[in-house]
Amino acid sequence: MIAWMASARARQRFGVIALLAFTGLTAGCGLVGKHKQQPGIVDPHQPKELEMVSMPPYIIEPPDELEISVRPASMELPLTTAIVQADGVVDLGFAGDVYLSGLTLAQAEQKVAEHLDPIAQRKKLRDPVEVSIRLLNGSQSKYYYVIGSVTTQGRFPIAGNETVLEAILAAGLRSNSQPEKAYLVRPHPPNGNDQILKIDWEGITQRGDTMTNYQIFPGDRLVVPGGRPPGLLGSLFGM
């Protein structure tokens, strides 16, 4: 009788352990079906790998660093480099401040030339004022964002030739990442239509299909969903 009771207790303990193990295992493997269906559409007309386009004219914004060259040399502009301040203004020293945020480089050159022209007239300079502005250290104010279950979530500087594949690999995948459900969200003005692009991760990585390996533009949000991190038994069994 005593042996039978001990055996019953052992079976009961084994049942509890098995239940806990099963719960942990399914928790680690779960949530695959709990995510909403992958949003977005496939747009074959979007720029993508093998069909990239040039970026639109660069728009100056804080904290861009600019190299400013002025002719004639007798203008004696004390600064050769300047950083666009948070208020959009560039400090030209004794020549005063000029607001350049929101302008292209060509527009900024014209505005600085117009700003310096009265100074040139007071100096009675014969030659017209010419200004050249160049962006230093690449893009300082243009970024794209990777959000969700990735190793490095946040913003990434954009060079102009990034694709979805490069952006996801730069952010890094985790054990619970679900890139097969990833999608690209493009910013739009208020009251504009949502721009959500579906990504075929398997097609990009396993078949070399470039249809959804979209070119990344400034402000793009790349979302990579994820499931629950694997539990202990899930990790042991590779689930």
C-alpha atoms as a PDB file:
ATOM      1  CA  MET A   1       0.000   0.000   0.000  1.00  0.00           C
ATOM      2  CA  ILE A   2       2.781   2.402   0.956  1.00  0.00           C
ATOM      3  CA  ALA A   3       4.693   1.549  -2.236  1.00  0.00           C
ATOM      4  CA  TRP A   4       1.572   2.168  -4.315  1.00  0.00           C
ATOM      5  CA  MET A   5       1.020   5.629  -2.715  1.00  0.00           C
ATOM      6  CA  ALA A   6       4.651   6.578  -3.314  1.00  0.00           C
ATOM      7  CA  SER A   7       4.302   5.525  -6.927  1.00  0.00           C
ATOM      8  CA  ALA A   8       1.122   7.593  -7.301  1.00  0.00           C
ATOM      9  CA  ARG A   9       2.871  10.675  -5.883  1.00  0.00           C
ATOM     10  CA  ALA A  10       5.753  10.166  -8.307  1.00  0.00           C
ATOM     11  CA  ARG A  11       3.337   9.927 -11.227  1.00  0.00           C
ATOM     12  CA  GLN A  12       1.598  13.088 -10.035  1.00  0.00           C
ATOM     13  CA  ARG A  13       4.887  14.988  -9.819  1.00  0.00           C
ATOM     14  CA  PHE A  14       5.862  13.786 -13.286  1.00  0.00           C
ATOM     15  CA  GLY A  15       2.524  14.972 -14.638  1.00  0.00           C
ATOM     16  CA  VAL A  16       2.986  18.445 -13.137  1.00  0.00           C
ATOM     17  CA  ILE A  17       6.540  18.686 -14.510  1.00  0.00           C
ATOM     18  CA  ALA A  18       5.403  17.541 -17.939  1.00  0.00           C
ATOM     19  CA  LEU A  19       2.599  20.123 -17.928  1.00  0.00           C
ATOM     20  CA  LEU A  20       4.992  22.927 -16.969  1.00  0.00           C
ATOM     21  CA  ALA A  21       7.471  21.812 -19.599  1.00  0.00           C
ATOM     22  CA  PHE A  22       4.769  21.714 -22.263  1.00  0.00           C
ATOM     23  CA  THR A  23       3.546  25.165 -21.228  1.00  0.00           C
ATOM     24  CA  GLY A  24       7.070  26.618 -21.448  1.00  0.00           C
ATOM     25  CA  LEU A  25       7.686  24.912 -24.765  1.00  0.00           C
ATOM     26  CA  THR A  26       4.506  26.169 -26.375  1.00  0.00           C
ATOM     27  CA  ALA A  27       5.053  29.655 -24.906  1.00  0.00           C
ATOM     28  CA  GLY A  28       8.434  29.771 -26.579  1.00  0.00           C
ATOM     29  CA  CYS A  29       7.058  28.620 -29.927  1.00  0.00           C
ATOM     30  CA  GLY A  30       3.801  30.545 -29.767  1.00  0.00           C
ATOM     31  CA  LEU A  31       2.556  33.892 -31.015  1.00  0.00           C
ATOM     32  CA  VAL A  32       3.363  33.034 -34.617  1.00  0.00           C
ATOM     33  CA  GLY A  33      -0.311  32.969 -35.397  1.00  0.00           C
ATOM     34  CA  LYS A  34      -1.268  35.785 -33.033  1.00  0.00           C
ATOM     35  CA  HIS A  35       0.134  38.606 -35.148  1.00  0.00           C
ATOM     36  CA  LYS A  36      -2.142  40.396 -37.521  1.00  0.00           C
ATOM     37  CA  GLN A  37      -1.844  39.611 -41.186  1.00  0.00           C
ATOM     38  CA  GLN A  38       1.122  41.281 -42.858  1.00  0.00           C
ATOM     39  CA  PRO A  39      -0.099  44.754 -43.870  1.00  0.00           C
ATOM     40  CA  GLY A  40       0.638  46.624 -47.062  1.00  0.00           C
ATOM     41  CA  ILE A  41       0.624  46.038 -50.779  1.00  0.00           C
ATOM     42  CA  VAL A  42       3.264  45.087 -53.323  1.00  0.00           C
ATOM     43  CA  ASP A  43       3.924  48.086 -55.572  1.00  0.00           C
ATOM     44  CA  PRO A  44       6.003  47.131 -58.643  1.00  0.00           C
ATOM     45  CA  HIS A  45       6.423  50.792 -59.566  1.00  0.00           C
ATOM     46  CA  GLN A  46       8.444  51.688 -56.482  1.00  0.00           C
ATOM     47  CA  PRO A  47      12.234  52.162 -56.860  1.00  0.00           C
ATOM     48  CA  LYS A  48      14.008  48.983 -55.860  1.00  0.00           C
ATOM     49  CA  GLU A  49      17.160  46.925 -56.272  1.00  0.00           C
ATOM     50  CA  LEU A  50      18.352  47.029 -59.921  1.00  0.00           C
ATOM     51  CA  GLU A  51      15.909  49.915 -60.544  1.00  0.00           C
ATOM     52  CA  MET A  52      17.098  52.601 -58.142  1.00  0.00           C
ATOM     53  CA  VAL A  53      16.625  56.313 -58.677  1.00  0.00           C
ATOM     54  CA  SER A  54      18.588  59.362 -57.618  1.00  0.00           C
ATOM     55  CA  MET A  55      17.559  61.006 -54.388  1.00  0.00           C
ATOM     56  CA  PRO A  56      15.637  64.280 -54.649  1.00  0.00           C
ATOM     57  CA  PRO A  57      17.648  67.496 -54.155  1.00  0.00           C
ATOM     58  CA  TYR A  58      19.093  67.586 -50.669  1.00  0.00           C
ATOM     59  CA  ILE A  59      17.138  69.776 -48.236  1.00  0.00           C
ATOM     60  CA  ILE A  60      19.223  71.519 -45.591  1.00  0.00           C
ATOM     61  CA  GLU A  61      18.144  70.891 -42.011  1.00  0.00           C
ATOM     62  CA  PRO A  62      19.743  71.032 -38.560  1.00  0.00           C
ATOM     63  CA  PRO A  63      22.389  69.838 -37.720  1.00  0.00           C
ATOM     64  CA  ASP A  64      23.902  69.735 -41.226  1.00  0.00           C
ATOM     65  CA  GLU A  65      27.487  70.920 -41.513  1.00  0.00           C
ATOM     66  CA  LEU A  66      28.164  73.131 -44.515  1.00  0.00           C
ATOM     67  CA  GLU A  67      31.313  74.294 -46.224  1.00  0.00           C
ATOM     68  CA  ILE A  68      30.785  77.831 -47.506  1.00  0.00           C
ATOM     69  CA  SER A  69      33.132  79.390 -50.049  1.00  0.00           C
ATOM     70  CA  VAL A  70      32.761  83.005 -51.188  1.00  0.00           C
ATOM     71  CA  ARG A  71      34.300  84.993 -54.022  1.00  0.00           C
ATOM     72  CA  PRO A  72      35.800  87.519 -54.342  1.00  0.00           C
ATOM     73  CA  ALA A  73      38.310  86.802 -51.561  1.00  0.00           C
ATOM     74  CA  SER A  74      38.154  90.461 -50.520  1.00  0.00           C
ATOM     75  CA  MET A  75      34.770  89.670 -48.925  1.00  0.00           C
ATOM     76  CA  GLU A  76      36.873  88.188 -46.096  1.00  0.00           C
ATOM     77  CA  LEU A  77      34.203  85.821 -44.839  1.00  0.00           C
ATOM     78  CA  PRO A  78      35.742  84.548 -41.570  1.00  0.00           C
ATOM     79  CA  LEU A  79      34.061  81.133 -41.653  1.00  0.00           C
ATOM     80  CA  THR A  80      34.654  78.302 -44.089  1.00  0.00           C
ATOM     81  CA  THR A  81      32.414  75.779 -42.286  1.00  0.00           C
ATOM     82  CA  ALA A  82      29.187  76.310 -40.408  1.00  0.00           C
ATOM     83  CA  ILE A  83      26.609  74.114 -38.701  1.00  0.00           C
ATOM     84  CA  VAL A  84      22.903  74.687 -39.227  1.00  0.00           C
ATOM     85  CA  GLN A  85      21.600  75.529 -35.780  1.00  0.00           C
ATOM     86  CA  ALA A  86      18.408  74.168 -34.242  1.00  0.00           C
ATOM     87  CA  ASP A  87      16.517  77.289 -35.333  1.00  0.00           C
ATOM     88  CA  GLY A  88      17.590  76.758 -38.966  1.00  0.00           C
ATOM     89  CA  VAL A  89      20.042  79.663 -38.942  1.00  0.00           C
ATOM     90  CA  VAL A  90      23.686  79.662 -40.057  1.00  0.00           C
ATOM     91  CA  ASP A  91      25.971  82.109 -38.278  1.00  0.00           C
ATOM     92  CA  LEU A  92      28.284  83.887 -40.753  1.00  0.00           C
ATOM     93  CA  GLY A  93      30.166  85.777 -38.084  1.00  0.00           C
ATOM     94  CA  PHE A  94      30.370  89.540 -38.691  1.00  0.00           C
ATOM     95  CA  ALA A  95      28.366  89.034 -41.891  1.00  0.00           C
ATOM     96  CA  GLY A  96      25.331  88.169 -39.773  1.00  0.00           C
ATOM     97  CA  ASP A  97      22.932  85.238 -39.660  1.00  0.00           C
ATOM     98  CA  VAL A  98      21.062  83.700 -42.562  1.00  0.00           C
ATOM     99  CA  TYR A  99      18.188  81.225 -42.429  1.00  0.00           C
ATOM    100  CA  LEU A 100      18.940  78.213 -44.654  1.00  0.00           C
ATOM    101  CA  SER A 101      16.805  75.389 -43.270  1.00  0.00           C
ATOM    102  CA  GLY A 102      14.371  73.983 -45.827  1.00  0.00           C
ATOM    103  CA  LEU A 103      16.433  75.101 -48.832  1.00  0.00           C
ATOM    104  CA  THR A 104      18.346  73.058 -51.366  1.00  0.00           C
ATOM    105  CA  LEU A 105      22.082  73.684 -51.644  1.00  0.00           C
ATOM    106  CA  ALA A 106      21.551  75.740 -54.822  1.00  0.00           C
ATOM    107  CA  GLN A 107      18.863  77.849 -53.140  1.00  0.00           C
ATOM    108  CA  ALA A 108      21.112  78.339 -50.112  1.00  0.00           C
ATOM    109  CA  GLU A 109      23.949  79.567 -52.343  1.00  0.00           C
ATOM    110  CA  GLN A 110      21.647  82.157 -53.902  1.00  0.00           C
ATOM    111  CA  LYS A 111      20.296  83.288 -50.529  1.00  0.00           C
ATOM    112  CA  VAL A 112      23.778  83.699 -49.001  1.00  0.00           C
ATOM    113  CA  ALA A 113      24.897  85.628 -52.091  1.00  0.00           C
ATOM    114  CA  GLU A 114      21.911  87.963 -51.747  1.00  0.00           C
ATOM    115  CA  HIS A 115      22.668  88.334 -48.036  1.00  0.00           C
ATOM    116  CA  LEU A 116      26.297  89.313 -48.745  1.00  0.00           C
ATOM    117  CA  ASP A 117      25.579  91.570 -51.717  1.00  0.00           C
ATOM    118  CA  PRO A 118      24.870  94.726 -49.636  1.00  0.00           C
ATOM    119  CA  ILE A 119      28.183  94.176 -47.839  1.00  0.00           C
ATOM    120  CA  ALA A 120      29.975  93.921 -51.171  1.00  0.00           C
ATOM    121  CA  GLN A 121      28.368  97.177 -52.313  1.00  0.00           C
ATOM    122  CA  ARG A 122      29.498  98.960 -49.168  1.00  0.00           C
ATOM    123  CA  LYS A 123      33.010  97.704 -49.842  1.00  0.00           C
ATOM    124  CA  LYS A 124      32.636  98.973 -53.423  1.00  0.00           C
ATOM    125  CA  LEU A 125      33.691  95.639 -54.881  1.00  0.00           C
ATOM    126  CA  ARG A 126      33.514  95.391 -58.641  1.00  0.00           C
ATOM    127  CA  ASP A 127      33.154  91.634 -58.974  1.00  0.00           C
ATOM    128  CA  PRO A 128      29.779  90.021 -58.187  1.00  0.00           C
ATOM    129  CA  VAL A 129      29.454  87.876 -55.080  1.00  0.00           C
ATOM    130  CA  GLU A 130      29.615  84.158 -55.806  1.00  0.00           C
ATOM    131  CA  VAL A 131      28.859  81.495 -53.203  1.00  0.00           C
ATOM    132  CA  SER A 132      29.489  77.760 -53.197  1.00  0.00           C
ATOM    133  CA  ILE A 133      27.981  75.570 -50.479  1.00  0.00           C
ATOM    134  CA  ARG A 134      28.888  71.924 -50.006  1.00  0.00           C
ATOM    135  CA  LEU A 135      27.568  69.393 -47.517  1.00  0.00           C
ATOM    136  CA  LEU A 136      30.273  68.047 -45.213  1.00  0.00           C
ATOM    137  CA  ASN A 137      30.474  64.596 -43.611  1.00  0.00           C
ATOM    138  CA  GLY A 138      27.664  63.190 -45.721  1.00  0.00           C
ATOM    139  CA  SER A 139      24.069  63.431 -44.567  1.00  0.00           C
ATOM    140  CA  GLN A 140      23.713  64.752 -41.030  1.00  0.00           C
ATOM    141  CA  SER A 141      19.941  65.149 -40.916  1.00  0.00           C
ATOM    142  CA  LYS A 142      18.532  62.371 -43.133  1.00  0.00           C
ATOM    143  CA  TYR A 143      17.657  59.027 -41.553  1.00  0.00           C
ATOM    144  CA  TYR A 144      15.521  55.936 -41.946  1.00  0.00           C
ATOM    145  CA  TYR A 145      14.173  53.911 -39.030  1.00  0.00           C
ATOM    146  CA  VAL A 146      14.048  50.197 -38.213  1.00  0.00           C
ATOM    147  CA  ILE A 147      11.425  49.318 -35.600  1.00  0.00           C
ATOM    148  CA  GLY A 148      10.426  46.090 -33.917  1.00  0.00           C
ATOM    149  CA  SER A 149      12.187  42.822 -33.140  1.00  0.00           C
ATOM    150  CA  VAL A 150      15.727  43.604 -34.276  1.00  0.00           C
ATOM    151  CA  THR A 151      19.100  43.707 -32.578  1.00  0.00           C
ATOM    152  CA  THR A 152      19.531  47.458 -33.044  1.00  0.00           C
ATOM    153  CA  GLN A 153      16.260  49.378 -33.097  1.00  0.00           C
ATOM    154  CA  GLY A 154      16.426  53.044 -34.010  1.00  0.00           C
ATOM    155  CA  ARG A 155      17.482  55.422 -36.744  1.00  0.00           C
ATOM    156  CA  PHE A 156      20.186  54.882 -39.325  1.00  0.00           C
ATOM    157  CA  PRO A 157      21.919  57.508 -41.496  1.00  0.00           C
ATOM    158  CA  ILE A 158      21.010  57.239 -45.147  1.00  0.00           C
ATOM    159  CA  ALA A 159      23.556  57.342 -47.950  1.00  0.00           C
ATOM    160  CA  GLY A 160      21.091  57.113 -50.835  1.00  0.00           C
ATOM    161  CA  ASN A 161      21.478  53.541 -52.068  1.00  0.00           C
ATOM    162  CA  GLU A 162      20.130  51.424 -49.191  1.00  0.00           C
ATOM    163  CA  THR A 163      17.540  48.704 -49.800  1.00  0.00           C
ATOM    164  CA  VAL A 164      15.182  46.792 -47.510  1.00  0.00           C
ATOM    165  CA  LEU A 165      17.648  43.879 -47.386  1.00  0.00           C
ATOM    166  CA  GLU A 166      20.560  46.114 -46.374  1.00  0.00           C
ATOM    167  CA  ALA A 167      18.455  47.962 -43.792  1.00  0.00           C
ATOM    168  CA  ILE A 168      17.263  44.782 -42.061  1.00  0.00           C
ATOM    169  CA  LEU A 169      20.744  43.244 -42.055  1.00  0.00           C
ATOM    170  CA  ALA A 170      22.176  46.505 -40.652  1.00  0.00           C
ATOM    171  CA  ALA A 171      19.659  46.416 -37.789  1.00  0.00           C
ATOM    172  CA  GLY A 172      20.281  42.699 -37.175  1.00  0.00           C
ATOM    173  CA  LEU A 173      17.766  39.883 -36.717  1.00  0.00           C
ATOM    174  CA  ARG A 174      17.011  38.253 -33.365  1.00  0.00           C
ATOM    175  CA  SER A 175      15.974  34.685 -32.595  1.00  0.00           C
ATOM    176  CA  ASN A 176      12.315  35.737 -32.456  1.00  0.00           C
ATOM    177  CA  SER A 177      12.384  38.127 -35.438  1.00  0.00           C
ATOM    178  CA  GLN A 178       9.789  37.506 -38.124  1.00  0.00           C
ATOM    179  CA  PRO A 179      11.148  39.240 -41.243  1.00  0.00           C
ATOM    180  CA  GLU A 180       8.639  37.311 -43.340  1.00  0.00           C
ATOM    181  CA  LYS A 181       6.016  39.656 -41.842  1.00  0.00           C
ATOM    182  CA  ALA A 182       8.072  42.845 -42.277  1.00  0.00           C
ATOM    183  CA  TYR A 183       6.670  45.874 -44.060  1.00  0.00           C
ATOM    184  CA  LEU A 184       7.808  49.348 -45.081  1.00  0.00           C
ATOM    185  CA  VAL A 185       5.918  52.490 -44.043  1.00  0.00           C
ATOM    186  CA  ARG A 186       6.575  55.678 -45.985  1.00  0.00           C
ATOM    187  CA  PRO A 187       5.793  59.082 -44.384  1.00  0.00           C
ATOM    188  CA  HIS A 188       3.062  61.192 -45.930  1.00  0.00           C
ATOM    189  CA  PRO A 189       1.554  64.648 -45.280  1.00  0.00           C
ATOM    190  CA  PRO A 190      -1.476  65.068 -43.019  1.00  0.00           C
ATOM    191  CA  ASN A 191      -4.688  63.714 -44.566  1.00  0.00           C
ATOM    192  CA  GLY A 192      -2.617  61.912 -47.203  1.00  0.00           C
ATOM    193  CA  ASN A 193      -3.036  58.252 -48.079  1.00  0.00           C
ATOM    194  CA  ASP A 194      -1.056  55.686 -46.092  1.00  0.00           C
ATOM    195  CA  GLN A 195       1.891  54.218 -47.966  1.00  0.00           C
ATOM    196  CA  ILE A 196       2.536  50.718 -46.611  1.00  0.00           C
ATOM    197  CA  LEU A 197       4.570  48.303 -48.721  1.00  0.00           C
ATOM    198  CA  LYS A 198       4.538  44.555 -48.172  1.00  0.00           C
ATOM    199  CA  ILE A 199       7.917  42.792 -48.137  1.00  0.00           C
ATOM    200  CA  ASP A 200       8.524  39.285 -49.493  1.00  0.00           C
ATOM    201  CA  TRP A 201      11.502  38.344 -47.311  1.00  0.00           C
ATOM    202  CA  GLU A 202      11.715  34.790 -48.622  1.00  0.00           C
ATOM    203  CA  GLY A 203      11.639  36.073 -52.190  1.00  0.00           C
ATOM    204  CA  ILE A 204      14.399  38.604 -51.492  1.00  0.00           C
ATOM    205  CA  THR A 205      16.729  36.275 -49.599  1.00  0.00           C
ATOM    206  CA  GLN A 206      16.065  32.847 -51.123  1.00  0.00           C
ATOM    207  CA  ARG A 207      14.998  33.535 -54.698  1.00  0.00           C
ATOM    208  CA  GLY A 208      16.785  36.778 -55.480  1.00  0.00           C
ATOM    209  CA  ASP A 209      13.453  38.438 -56.263  1.00  0.00           C
ATOM    210  CA  THR A 210      13.975  42.210 -56.243  1.00  0.00           C
ATOM    211  CA  MET A 211      10.282  43.155 -56.532  1.00  0.00           C
ATOM    212  CA  THR A 212       9.932  44.093 -52.849  1.00  0.00           C
ATOM    213  CA  ASN A 213      13.576  44.894 -52.091  1.00  0.00           C
ATOM    214  CA  TYR A 214      12.569  48.552 -52.141  1.00  0.00           C
ATOM    215  CA  GLN A 215      14.991  51.448 -52.151  1.00  0.00           C
ATOM    216  CA  ILE A 216      15.016  53.213 -48.777  1.00  0.00           C
ATOM    217  CA  PHE A 217      14.258  56.948 -48.670  1.00  0.00           C
ATOM    218  CA  PRO A 218      14.686  59.478 -45.839  1.00  0.00           C
ATOM    219  CA  GLY A 219      12.036  59.062 -43.176  1.00  0.00           C
ATOM    220  CA  ASP A 220      11.076  55.484 -44.127  1.00  0.00           C
ATOM    221  CA  ARG A 221       9.983  53.218 -41.273  1.00  0.00           C
ATOM    222  CA  LEU A 222      10.881  49.550 -41.660  1.00  0.00           C
ATOM    223  CA  VAL A 223       8.866  47.390 -39.239  1.00  0.00           C
ATOM    224  CA  VAL A 224      10.036  43.866 -38.322  1.00  0.00           C
ATOM    225  CA  PRO A 225       7.509  42.030 -36.111  1.00  0.00           C
ATOM    226  CA  GLY A 226       8.590  39.360 -33.657  1.00  0.00           C
ATOM    227  CA  GLY A 227       7.170  36.503 -31.627  1.00  0.00           C
ATOM    228  CA  ARG A 228       7.725  35.706 -27.972  1.00  0.00           C
ATOM    229  CA  PRO A 229      11.373  34.825 -27.243  1.00  0.00           C
ATOM    230  CA  PRO A 230      11.861  31.033 -27.069  1.00  0.00           C
ATOM    231  CA  GLY A 231      11.539  29.421 -23.646  1.00  0.00           C
ATOM    232  CA  LEU A 232      14.170  27.221 -22.082  1.00  0.00           C
ATOM    233  CA  LEU A 233      12.997  23.994 -23.708  1.00  0.00           C
ATOM    234  CA  GLY A 234      12.335  25.816 -26.949  1.00  0.00           C
ATOM    235  CA  SER A 235      15.936  26.984 -26.973  1.00  0.00           C
ATOM    236  CA  LEU A 236      17.190  23.485 -26.217  1.00  0.00           C
ATOM    237  CA  PHE A 237      15.159  21.914 -29.012  1.00  0.00           C
ATOM    238  CA  GLY A 238      15.768  24.796 -31.482  1.00  0.00           C
ATOM    239  CA  MET A 239      12.122  25.867 -31.622  1.00  0.00           C
END
